[in-house]
Amino acid sequence: MIYVDTSVIVALLTVEPKTSDVLAWYTGLQDVPTSSDWLLTEFSSATSIKLRTGQLSEANAKRVHKEFDLLAAGGLRLAPVSRSAYSQAAKMIKLHQHGLRAGDALHLAVALELGARQMATLDGTLAKNAKRKGLVLISF
């Protein structure tokens, strides 16, 4: 199973430096990637920031949200976030030297709980922590 974090989905649906790489990767997938319900909140936050900072227009933000809804309905598996995943994320964050932020720790905890073997992320700190936990990283 390939677990994807929010950074990859944002790059897939909006203009980012790695958008073309992510799009090429996604279109070549054989299996539906997995993320968690946390993606719903974090993706909305990312697009709202882009809207507030002028990186997205109102019309483009609406289009992006429609595309996200379609993706969440069939091109991406969303798993629920368990109480255990929240606890594991909190434990990871307490290891301050690893530099994980709350959302990234939650993504990593869910990926591990689901038994993911691969992680797709554009976040360097999350990537280092995923690799440290034994996940194979998707390179973009």
N, C-alpha and C. Protein backbone atom coordinates (compact mmCIF):
# COMPACT_ATOMS: atom_id res chain seq x y z
N MET A 1 0.83 -1.17 0.00
CA MET A 1 0.00 0.00 0.00
C MET A 1 0.89 1.25 0.00
N ILE A 2 0.47 2.23 -0.79
CA ILE A 2 1.15 3.52 -0.82
C ILE A 2 0.28 4.52 -0.06
N TYR A 3 0.86 5.13 0.94
CA TYR A 3 0.18 6.17 1.70
C TYR A 3 0.64 7.53 1.18
N VAL A 4 -0.31 8.42 0.89
CA VAL A 4 0.03 9.76 0.41
C VAL A 4 -0.38 10.80 1.45
N ASP A 5 0.48 11.78 1.62
CA ASP A 5 0.13 12.85 2.54
C ASP A 5 -0.44 14.04 1.77
N THR A 6 -0.82 15.06 2.48
CA THR A 6 -1.49 16.21 1.90
C THR A 6 -0.63 16.94 0.88
N SER A 7 0.67 17.04 1.12
CA SER A 7 1.53 17.78 0.21
C SER A 7 1.46 17.24 -1.21
N VAL A 8 1.33 15.93 -1.35
CA VAL A 8 1.25 15.31 -2.67
C VAL A 8 -0.08 15.63 -3.34
N ILE A 9 -1.16 15.59 -2.58
CA ILE A 9 -2.48 15.87 -3.16
C ILE A 9 -2.61 17.33 -3.52
N VAL A 10 -2.04 18.22 -2.72
CA VAL A 10 -2.03 19.65 -3.06
C VAL A 10 -1.28 19.86 -4.37
N ALA A 11 -0.13 19.23 -4.51
CA ALA A 11 0.65 19.35 -5.75
C ALA A 11 -0.07 18.72 -6.94
N LEU A 12 -0.84 17.69 -6.70
CA LEU A 12 -1.58 17.03 -7.77
C LEU A 12 -2.69 17.93 -8.32
N LEU A 13 -3.32 18.70 -7.44
CA LEU A 13 -4.52 19.45 -7.84
C LEU A 13 -4.32 20.96 -7.98
N THR A 14 -3.16 21.47 -7.58
CA THR A 14 -2.87 22.89 -7.75
C THR A 14 -1.48 23.03 -8.37
N VAL A 15 -1.11 24.24 -8.69
CA VAL A 15 0.20 24.47 -9.29
C VAL A 15 1.25 24.61 -8.19
N GLU A 16 2.17 23.67 -8.20
CA GLU A 16 3.26 23.61 -7.23
C GLU A 16 4.54 23.28 -8.02
N PRO A 17 5.72 23.49 -7.43
CA PRO A 17 6.96 23.15 -8.15
C PRO A 17 7.03 21.69 -8.61
N LYS A 18 6.46 20.77 -7.87
CA LYS A 18 6.55 19.34 -8.21
C LYS A 18 5.27 18.80 -8.86
N THR A 19 4.38 19.67 -9.32
CA THR A 19 3.10 19.22 -9.87
C THR A 19 3.27 18.25 -11.03
N SER A 20 4.14 18.55 -11.97
CA SER A 20 4.30 17.66 -13.13
C SER A 20 4.83 16.30 -12.72
N ASP A 21 5.75 16.26 -11.75
CA ASP A 21 6.28 14.98 -11.27
C ASP A 21 5.20 14.17 -10.56
N VAL A 22 4.42 14.84 -9.73
CA VAL A 22 3.35 14.15 -9.00
C VAL A 22 2.29 13.64 -9.97
N LEU A 23 1.93 14.45 -10.95
CA LEU A 23 0.93 14.04 -11.94
C LEU A 23 1.40 12.81 -12.72
N ALA A 24 2.66 12.82 -13.14
CA ALA A 24 3.21 11.66 -13.87
C ALA A 24 3.18 10.42 -12.99
N TRP A 25 3.54 10.56 -11.74
CA TRP A 25 3.51 9.43 -10.81
C TRP A 25 2.09 8.91 -10.62
N TYR A 26 1.16 9.83 -10.36
CA TYR A 26 -0.22 9.43 -10.08
C TYR A 26 -0.85 8.73 -11.28
N THR A 27 -0.65 9.26 -12.47
CA THR A 27 -1.27 8.65 -13.66
C THR A 27 -0.67 7.28 -13.97
N GLY A 28 0.53 6.99 -13.46
CA GLY A 28 1.14 5.68 -13.68
C GLY A 28 0.85 4.64 -12.61
N LEU A 29 0.08 5.02 -11.60
CA LEU A 29 -0.21 4.09 -10.51
C LEU A 29 -1.07 2.92 -10.97
N GLN A 30 -0.78 1.75 -10.42
CA GLN A 30 -1.59 0.56 -10.70
C GLN A 30 -2.68 0.38 -9.65
N ASP A 31 -2.41 0.83 -8.43
CA ASP A 31 -3.35 0.68 -7.33
C ASP A 31 -3.77 2.06 -6.81
N VAL A 32 -4.93 2.10 -6.19
CA VAL A 32 -5.43 3.33 -5.60
C VAL A 32 -4.61 3.64 -4.35
N PRO A 33 -4.02 4.83 -4.25
CA PRO A 33 -3.26 5.18 -3.05
C PRO A 33 -4.20 5.43 -1.87
N THR A 34 -3.63 5.44 -0.69
CA THR A 34 -4.39 5.62 0.55
C THR A 34 -3.91 6.86 1.29
N SER A 35 -4.84 7.53 1.92
CA SER A 35 -4.54 8.60 2.86
C SER A 35 -5.52 8.44 4.01
N SER A 36 -5.62 9.46 4.85
CA SER A 36 -6.55 9.38 5.97
C SER A 36 -7.57 10.51 5.90
N ASP A 37 -8.58 10.39 6.73
CA ASP A 37 -9.59 11.44 6.81
C ASP A 37 -8.99 12.79 7.19
N TRP A 38 -7.82 12.79 7.82
CA TRP A 38 -7.14 14.03 8.16
C TRP A 38 -6.88 14.86 6.90
N LEU A 39 -6.71 14.19 5.76
CA LEU A 39 -6.48 14.87 4.49
C LEU A 39 -7.62 15.85 4.18
N LEU A 40 -8.85 15.51 4.53
CA LEU A 40 -9.99 16.38 4.26
C LEU A 40 -9.79 17.76 4.89
N THR A 41 -9.37 17.77 6.13
CA THR A 41 -9.15 19.03 6.84
C THR A 41 -7.90 19.74 6.34
N GLU A 42 -6.82 19.00 6.22
CA GLU A 42 -5.55 19.63 5.87
C GLU A 42 -5.55 20.16 4.43
N PHE A 43 -6.22 19.45 3.52
CA PHE A 43 -6.31 19.93 2.14
C PHE A 43 -7.12 21.23 2.09
N SER A 44 -8.22 21.28 2.82
CA SER A 44 -9.02 22.50 2.86
C SER A 44 -8.21 23.66 3.42
N SER A 45 -7.41 23.39 4.43
CA SER A 45 -6.56 24.43 5.00
C SER A 45 -5.55 24.93 3.96
N ALA A 46 -4.92 24.02 3.25
CA ALA A 46 -3.92 24.40 2.25
C ALA A 46 -4.53 25.23 1.13
N THR A 47 -5.70 24.84 0.67
CA THR A 47 -6.32 25.61 -0.41
C THR A 47 -6.83 26.96 0.10
N SER A 48 -7.27 27.02 1.33
CA SER A 48 -7.68 28.31 1.91
C SER A 48 -6.51 29.26 2.01
N ILE A 49 -5.35 28.74 2.39
CA ILE A 49 -4.15 29.57 2.45
C ILE A 49 -3.80 30.09 1.06
N LYS A 50 -3.87 29.21 0.07
CA LYS A 50 -3.59 29.63 -1.31
C LYS A 50 -4.58 30.71 -1.76
N LEU A 51 -5.81 30.59 -1.37
CA LEU A 51 -6.83 31.58 -1.72
C LEU A 51 -6.54 32.92 -1.04
N ARG A 52 -6.25 32.88 0.25
CA ARG A 52 -5.98 34.10 1.01
C ARG A 52 -4.72 34.82 0.52
N THR A 53 -3.75 34.07 0.06
CA THR A 53 -2.49 34.67 -0.37
C THR A 53 -2.45 34.98 -1.87
N GLY A 54 -3.56 34.76 -2.55
CA GLY A 54 -3.63 35.09 -3.96
C GLY A 54 -3.04 34.06 -4.90
N GLN A 55 -2.69 32.89 -4.39
CA GLN A 55 -2.16 31.83 -5.25
C GLN A 55 -3.26 31.11 -6.01
N LEU A 56 -4.49 31.23 -5.53
CA LEU A 56 -5.67 30.67 -6.19
C LEU A 56 -6.75 31.74 -6.24
N SER A 57 -7.46 31.79 -7.36
CA SER A 57 -8.63 32.66 -7.46
C SER A 57 -9.83 31.92 -6.88
N GLU A 58 -10.90 32.64 -6.64
CA GLU A 58 -12.14 32.00 -6.15
C GLU A 58 -12.60 30.91 -7.11
N ALA A 59 -12.58 31.20 -8.39
CA ALA A 59 -13.02 30.22 -9.40
C ALA A 59 -12.13 28.99 -9.40
N ASN A 60 -10.82 29.20 -9.32
CA ASN A 60 -9.90 28.06 -9.30
C ASN A 60 -10.04 27.26 -8.01
N ALA A 61 -10.28 27.94 -6.90
CA ALA A 61 -10.47 27.23 -5.63
C ALA A 61 -11.70 26.33 -5.70
N LYS A 62 -12.76 26.81 -6.29
CA LYS A 62 -13.98 25.98 -6.45
C LYS A 62 -13.69 24.77 -7.33
N ARG A 63 -12.94 25.00 -8.43
CA ARG A 63 -12.59 23.90 -9.34
C ARG A 63 -11.72 22.87 -8.61
N VAL A 64 -10.76 23.34 -7.84
CA VAL A 64 -9.86 22.46 -7.10
C VAL A 64 -10.65 21.62 -6.09
N HIS A 65 -11.58 22.24 -5.40
CA HIS A 65 -12.39 21.50 -4.41
C HIS A 65 -13.27 20.45 -5.09
N LYS A 66 -13.79 20.76 -6.27
CA LYS A 66 -14.58 19.77 -7.02
C LYS A 66 -13.70 18.60 -7.45
N GLU A 67 -12.50 18.91 -7.92
CA GLU A 67 -11.55 17.85 -8.31
C GLU A 67 -11.15 17.01 -7.10
N PHE A 68 -10.97 17.66 -5.97
CA PHE A 68 -10.63 16.93 -4.75
C PHE A 68 -11.77 15.99 -4.36
N ASP A 69 -13.01 16.47 -4.43
CA ASP A 69 -14.16 15.63 -4.10
C ASP A 69 -14.23 14.41 -5.01
N LEU A 70 -13.95 14.60 -6.29
CA LEU A 70 -13.94 13.47 -7.23
C LEU A 70 -12.81 12.49 -6.88
N LEU A 71 -11.66 13.02 -6.56
CA LEU A 71 -10.52 12.17 -6.18
C LEU A 71 -10.85 11.37 -4.92
N ALA A 72 -11.41 12.04 -3.94
CA ALA A 72 -11.75 11.37 -2.67
C ALA A 72 -12.85 10.34 -2.87
N ALA A 73 -13.65 10.51 -3.91
CA ALA A 73 -14.75 9.57 -4.16
C ALA A 73 -14.31 8.32 -4.91
N GLY A 74 -13.10 8.31 -5.49
CA GLY A 74 -12.74 7.12 -6.23
C GLY A 74 -11.28 6.95 -6.58
N GLY A 75 -10.50 8.02 -6.61
CA GLY A 75 -9.10 7.91 -7.00
C GLY A 75 -8.16 7.88 -5.81
N LEU A 76 -8.74 7.77 -4.62
CA LEU A 76 -7.97 7.80 -3.40
C LEU A 76 -8.79 7.13 -2.31
N ARG A 77 -8.17 6.25 -1.57
CA ARG A 77 -8.84 5.61 -0.44
C ARG A 77 -8.56 6.44 0.81
N LEU A 78 -9.62 6.80 1.52
CA LEU A 78 -9.46 7.55 2.77
C LEU A 78 -9.80 6.65 3.95
N ALA A 79 -8.85 6.51 4.84
CA ALA A 79 -9.02 5.66 6.02
C ALA A 79 -9.36 6.54 7.22
N PRO A 80 -10.18 6.04 8.13
CA PRO A 80 -10.46 6.80 9.35
C PRO A 80 -9.22 6.89 10.24
N VAL A 81 -9.19 7.93 11.05
CA VAL A 81 -8.09 8.12 12.00
C VAL A 81 -8.54 7.57 13.34
N SER A 82 -7.84 6.59 13.83
CA SER A 82 -8.20 5.96 15.10
C SER A 82 -7.64 6.75 16.28
N ARG A 83 -8.19 6.48 17.43
CA ARG A 83 -7.67 7.08 18.67
C ARG A 83 -6.22 6.65 18.89
N SER A 84 -5.92 5.42 18.54
CA SER A 84 -4.55 4.92 18.67
C SER A 84 -3.59 5.72 17.79
N ALA A 85 -4.02 6.08 16.59
CA ALA A 85 -3.15 6.87 15.70
C ALA A 85 -2.88 8.24 16.31
N TYR A 86 -3.90 8.85 16.93
CA TYR A 86 -3.67 10.13 17.61
C TYR A 86 -2.64 9.97 18.73
N SER A 87 -2.75 8.89 19.48
CA SER A 87 -1.80 8.64 20.57
C SER A 87 -0.39 8.43 20.04
N GLN A 88 -0.27 7.65 18.97
CA GLN A 88 1.05 7.41 18.39
C GLN A 88 1.65 8.69 17.83
N ALA A 89 0.81 9.51 17.21
CA ALA A 89 1.29 10.79 16.68
C ALA A 89 1.81 11.67 17.81
N ALA A 90 1.09 11.68 18.92
CA ALA A 90 1.53 12.48 20.08
C ALA A 90 2.88 11.99 20.59
N LYS A 91 3.07 10.68 20.63
CA LYS A 91 4.35 10.13 21.08
C LYS A 91 5.48 10.53 20.13
N MET A 92 5.19 10.52 18.82
CA MET A 92 6.22 10.91 17.85
C MET A 92 6.59 12.37 18.01
N ILE A 93 5.61 13.22 18.26
CA ILE A 93 5.86 14.65 18.41
C ILE A 93 6.71 14.94 19.65
N LYS A 94 6.53 14.15 20.69
CA LYS A 94 7.32 14.34 21.92
C LYS A 94 8.81 14.13 21.68
N LEU A 95 9.14 13.40 20.64
CA LEU A 95 10.55 13.22 20.27
C LEU A 95 10.95 14.43 19.43
N HIS A 96 11.09 15.56 20.09
CA HIS A 96 11.27 16.85 19.43
C HIS A 96 12.43 16.89 18.45
N GLN A 97 13.43 16.09 18.69
CA GLN A 97 14.60 16.09 17.82
C GLN A 97 14.26 15.60 16.40
N HIS A 98 13.12 14.92 16.24
CA HIS A 98 12.73 14.43 14.92
C HIS A 98 11.99 15.48 14.12
N GLY A 99 11.55 16.56 14.76
CA GLY A 99 10.99 17.71 14.07
C GLY A 99 9.60 17.56 13.47
N LEU A 100 8.87 16.52 13.85
CA LEU A 100 7.54 16.32 13.26
C LEU A 100 6.54 17.33 13.79
N ARG A 101 5.72 17.84 12.87
CA ARG A 101 4.59 18.67 13.24
C ARG A 101 3.37 17.77 13.40
N ALA A 102 2.34 18.28 14.03
CA ALA A 102 1.16 17.47 14.37
C ALA A 102 0.55 16.76 13.17
N GLY A 103 0.26 17.49 12.11
CA GLY A 103 -0.39 16.88 10.95
C GLY A 103 0.46 15.80 10.30
N ASP A 104 1.75 16.05 10.20
CA ASP A 104 2.64 15.06 9.60
C ASP A 104 2.78 13.82 10.48
N ALA A 105 2.84 14.03 11.79
CA ALA A 105 2.90 12.89 12.71
C ALA A 105 1.64 12.05 12.60
N LEU A 106 0.51 12.71 12.45
CA LEU A 106 -0.75 11.98 12.31
C LEU A 106 -0.77 11.17 11.02
N HIS A 107 -0.33 11.76 9.92
CA HIS A 107 -0.23 11.01 8.66
C HIS A 107 0.67 9.78 8.84
N LEU A 108 1.82 9.98 9.47
CA LEU A 108 2.76 8.87 9.65
C LEU A 108 2.17 7.79 10.55
N ALA A 109 1.51 8.18 11.62
CA ALA A 109 0.91 7.20 12.52
C ALA A 109 -0.16 6.38 11.81
N VAL A 110 -0.98 7.03 11.00
CA VAL A 110 -2.02 6.29 10.26
C VAL A 110 -1.38 5.35 9.25
N ALA A 111 -0.38 5.84 8.53
CA ALA A 111 0.30 4.99 7.54
C ALA A 111 0.86 3.73 8.20
N LEU A 112 1.49 3.89 9.34
CA LEU A 112 2.06 2.74 10.05
C LEU A 112 0.96 1.82 10.55
N GLU A 113 -0.10 2.39 11.09
CA GLU A 113 -1.21 1.58 11.60
C GLU A 113 -1.87 0.76 10.48
N LEU A 114 -1.94 1.34 9.29
CA LEU A 114 -2.56 0.64 8.16
C LEU A 114 -1.63 -0.39 7.52
N GLY A 115 -0.37 -0.36 7.91
CA GLY A 115 0.60 -1.29 7.33
C GLY A 115 1.12 -0.86 5.97
N ALA A 116 1.12 0.44 5.72
CA ALA A 116 1.65 0.94 4.45
C ALA A 116 3.11 0.55 4.32
N ARG A 117 3.51 0.29 3.11
CA ARG A 117 4.91 -0.05 2.85
C ARG A 117 5.65 1.12 2.21
N GLN A 118 4.88 2.02 1.58
CA GLN A 118 5.48 3.16 0.89
C GLN A 118 4.79 4.45 1.34
N MET A 119 5.54 5.55 1.28
CA MET A 119 5.01 6.86 1.63
C MET A 119 5.33 7.82 0.49
N ALA A 120 4.32 8.53 0.05
CA ALA A 120 4.51 9.60 -0.93
C ALA A 120 4.31 10.92 -0.21
N THR A 121 5.36 11.71 -0.15
CA THR A 121 5.31 13.01 0.50
C THR A 121 6.30 13.95 -0.17
N LEU A 122 6.00 15.23 -0.11
CA LEU A 122 6.93 16.25 -0.57
C LEU A 122 7.55 16.99 0.61
N ASP A 123 7.21 16.55 1.81
CA ASP A 123 7.70 17.18 3.04
C ASP A 123 8.97 16.46 3.50
N GLY A 124 10.07 17.19 3.55
CA GLY A 124 11.35 16.59 3.90
C GLY A 124 11.41 15.99 5.29
N THR A 125 10.82 16.67 6.27
CA THR A 125 10.85 16.15 7.65
C THR A 125 10.00 14.89 7.76
N LEU A 126 8.84 14.90 7.15
CA LEU A 126 8.00 13.70 7.17
C LEU A 126 8.72 12.55 6.46
N ALA A 127 9.35 12.85 5.33
CA ALA A 127 10.07 11.82 4.59
C ALA A 127 11.17 11.18 5.45
N LYS A 128 11.95 11.98 6.15
CA LYS A 128 13.01 11.44 7.01
C LYS A 128 12.44 10.54 8.09
N ASN A 129 11.34 10.97 8.68
CA ASN A 129 10.72 10.18 9.75
C ASN A 129 10.08 8.91 9.21
N ALA A 130 9.47 8.98 8.05
CA ALA A 130 8.88 7.79 7.43
C ALA A 130 9.97 6.77 7.10
N LYS A 131 11.06 7.25 6.57
CA LYS A 131 12.18 6.36 6.24
C LYS A 131 12.74 5.73 7.51
N ARG A 132 12.86 6.53 8.57
CA ARG A 132 13.36 6.03 9.84
C ARG A 132 12.46 4.93 10.39
N LYS A 133 11.16 5.01 10.08
CA LYS A 133 10.19 4.01 10.53
C LYS A 133 10.08 2.82 9.58
N GLY A 134 10.90 2.82 8.52
CA GLY A 134 10.95 1.66 7.62
C GLY A 134 10.10 1.76 6.37
N LEU A 135 9.49 2.89 6.11
CA LEU A 135 8.70 3.05 4.90
C LEU A 135 9.61 3.40 3.72
N VAL A 136 9.27 2.87 2.56
CA VAL A 136 9.99 3.20 1.34
C VAL A 136 9.40 4.49 0.79
N LEU A 137 10.25 5.44 0.45
CA LEU A 137 9.78 6.74 -0.03
C LEU A 137 9.61 6.76 -1.53
N ILE A 138 8.56 7.40 -1.98
CA ILE A 138 8.36 7.66 -3.40
C ILE A 138 9.17 8.92 -3.73
N SER A 139 9.99 8.85 -4.75
CA SER A 139 10.82 10.01 -5.12
C SER A 139 10.12 10.82 -6.19
N PHE A 140 10.14 12.12 -6.00
CA PHE A 140 9.56 13.05 -6.97
C PHE A 140 10.65 13.99 -7.47
